[in-house]
């Protein structure tokens, strides 16, 4: 059994390391049970590898996510554009960050880093 002090420390550590504690705002509920989150987005291009879920990346569909925040296979609408699916992850994609797959390296560079609105479909 864990004493009261140990339980408080354990609870503190769980909260400290939860996805919401890592530079994140709580998701906003919207109609139909979907969530809308403001996220920091970057873009990446072909690495020669399949995604974490075993698919080949495709522009307009593949998004790398933190699976603790957005589970793999989740359908996403990014800045009002549907068709995206959480299919991949990356070492720098933690918390409220996503990486959108694009086929052209120059377009990835032009995309840069920006805040986007991500609707997580239920």
Protein backbone atom coordinates (compact mmCIF):
# COMPACT_ATOMS: atom_id res chain seq x y z
CA UNK A 1 0.00 0.00 0.00
CA UNK A 2 1.12 3.54 -0.71
CA UNK A 3 0.79 6.02 2.15
CA UNK A 4 -0.96 9.38 1.82
CA UNK A 5 2.31 11.18 1.05
CA UNK A 6 3.29 8.59 -1.56
CA UNK A 7 -0.16 8.79 -3.15
CA UNK A 8 0.10 12.58 -3.40
CA UNK A 9 3.54 12.36 -4.97
CA UNK A 10 2.26 9.75 -7.45
CA UNK A 11 -0.76 11.92 -8.30
CA UNK A 12 1.50 14.96 -8.76
CA UNK A 13 3.79 13.01 -11.11
CA UNK A 14 0.84 11.73 -13.14
CA UNK A 15 -0.54 15.26 -13.54
CA UNK A 16 2.91 16.69 -14.28
CA UNK A 17 3.51 14.17 -17.06
CA UNK A 18 0.00 14.13 -18.49
CA UNK A 19 -0.45 15.42 -22.07
CA UNK A 20 -2.37 18.44 -20.75
CA UNK A 21 0.62 19.48 -18.64
CA UNK A 22 2.93 19.66 -21.66
CA UNK A 23 2.27 23.10 -23.16
CA UNK A 24 -1.31 22.25 -23.94
CA UNK A 25 -4.72 23.73 -23.49
CA UNK A 26 -7.68 21.49 -22.74
CA UNK A 27 -9.67 20.54 -25.83
CA UNK A 28 -12.82 22.51 -26.48
CA UNK A 29 -15.98 20.45 -26.92
CA UNK A 30 -18.06 21.11 -30.00
CA UNK A 31 -21.24 19.75 -31.51
CA UNK A 32 -21.45 15.99 -32.04
CA UNK A 33 -18.78 15.15 -29.46
CA UNK A 34 -15.94 16.32 -31.71
CA UNK A 35 -13.09 18.32 -30.16
CA UNK A 36 -11.40 21.42 -31.53
CA UNK A 37 -7.80 22.13 -30.50
CA UNK A 38 -5.39 24.90 -31.50
CA UNK A 39 -2.13 23.16 -32.39
CA UNK A 40 1.31 24.08 -33.63
CA UNK A 41 1.80 22.62 -37.12
CA UNK A 42 4.84 21.95 -39.24
CA UNK A 43 5.19 20.01 -42.48
CA UNK A 44 7.37 17.07 -43.48
CA UNK A 45 8.09 15.26 -46.73
CA UNK A 46 8.92 11.71 -47.82
CA UNK A 47 11.34 9.86 -45.55
CA UNK A 48 11.42 6.62 -47.55
CA UNK A 49 9.57 4.83 -44.78
CA UNK A 50 6.02 3.79 -44.12
CA UNK A 51 4.08 5.64 -41.44
CA UNK A 52 3.85 4.32 -37.88
CA UNK A 53 0.49 2.76 -38.80
CA UNK A 54 1.96 0.93 -41.82
CA UNK A 55 0.53 3.15 -44.58
CA UNK A 56 2.52 5.00 -47.20
CA UNK A 57 2.29 8.75 -46.56
CA UNK A 58 -0.08 10.67 -48.81
CA UNK A 59 -0.48 14.43 -49.15
CA UNK A 60 -3.87 15.67 -47.99
CA UNK A 61 -4.26 12.63 -45.70
CA UNK A 62 -1.21 11.79 -43.57
CA UNK A 63 -0.58 13.69 -40.33
CA UNK A 64 1.99 12.87 -37.66
CA UNK A 65 0.59 13.27 -34.14
CA UNK A 66 1.33 12.54 -30.52
CA UNK A 67 -0.81 9.40 -30.07
CA UNK A 68 -1.32 10.30 -26.40
CA UNK A 69 -3.23 13.39 -27.60
CA UNK A 70 -4.74 12.14 -30.89
CA UNK A 71 -5.02 8.34 -31.34
CA UNK A 72 -3.84 6.78 -34.61
CA UNK A 73 -6.61 6.40 -37.17
CA UNK A 74 -8.47 9.50 -35.96
CA UNK A 75 -9.98 11.59 -38.76
CA UNK A 76 -9.04 15.27 -38.62
CA UNK A 77 -10.21 18.52 -40.16
CA UNK A 78 -7.36 21.03 -40.26
CA UNK A 79 -8.28 24.70 -40.76
CA UNK A 80 -11.62 23.61 -42.21
CA UNK A 81 -10.12 21.11 -44.70
CA UNK A 82 -11.29 17.49 -44.16
CA UNK A 83 -9.57 14.28 -45.23
CA UNK A 84 -6.65 14.10 -42.83
CA UNK A 85 -5.92 11.00 -40.74
CA UNK A 86 -3.56 10.60 -37.77
CA UNK A 87 -1.20 8.00 -39.25
CA UNK A 88 2.31 8.82 -38.11
CA UNK A 89 4.41 10.18 -35.27
CA UNK A 90 7.78 11.80 -34.88
CA UNK A 91 10.33 12.44 -32.16
CA UNK A 92 9.51 16.16 -31.96
CA UNK A 93 5.74 15.69 -32.15
CA UNK A 94 4.72 15.88 -28.50
CA UNK A 95 1.62 17.43 -26.95
CA UNK A 96 -0.18 20.04 -29.05
CA UNK A 97 1.94 19.59 -32.18
CA UNK A 98 1.23 17.99 -35.53
CA UNK A 99 3.32 17.44 -38.65
CA UNK A 100 1.44 17.50 -41.96
CA UNK A 101 2.81 15.38 -44.82
CA UNK A 102 3.54 17.16 -48.11
CA UNK A 103 5.19 15.74 -51.22
CA UNK A 104 7.38 18.76 -51.98
CA UNK A 105 10.27 19.81 -49.74
CA UNK A 106 10.08 23.47 -50.81
CA UNK A 107 6.38 23.61 -49.87
CA UNK A 108 7.27 22.18 -46.45
CA UNK A 109 9.80 24.95 -45.95
CA UNK A 110 7.27 27.58 -47.09
CA UNK A 111 4.67 26.14 -44.71
CA UNK A 112 7.03 26.74 -41.80
CA UNK A 113 5.56 26.62 -38.31
CA UNK A 114 2.06 27.95 -37.69
CA UNK A 115 -0.93 27.63 -35.43
CA UNK A 116 -3.83 25.66 -36.89
CA UNK A 117 -7.29 24.65 -35.73
CA UNK A 118 -7.64 20.87 -35.59
CA UNK A 119 -11.09 19.31 -35.33
CA UNK A 120 -10.82 15.78 -33.97
CA UNK A 121 -13.68 13.71 -35.33
CA UNK A 122 -15.43 11.15 -33.14
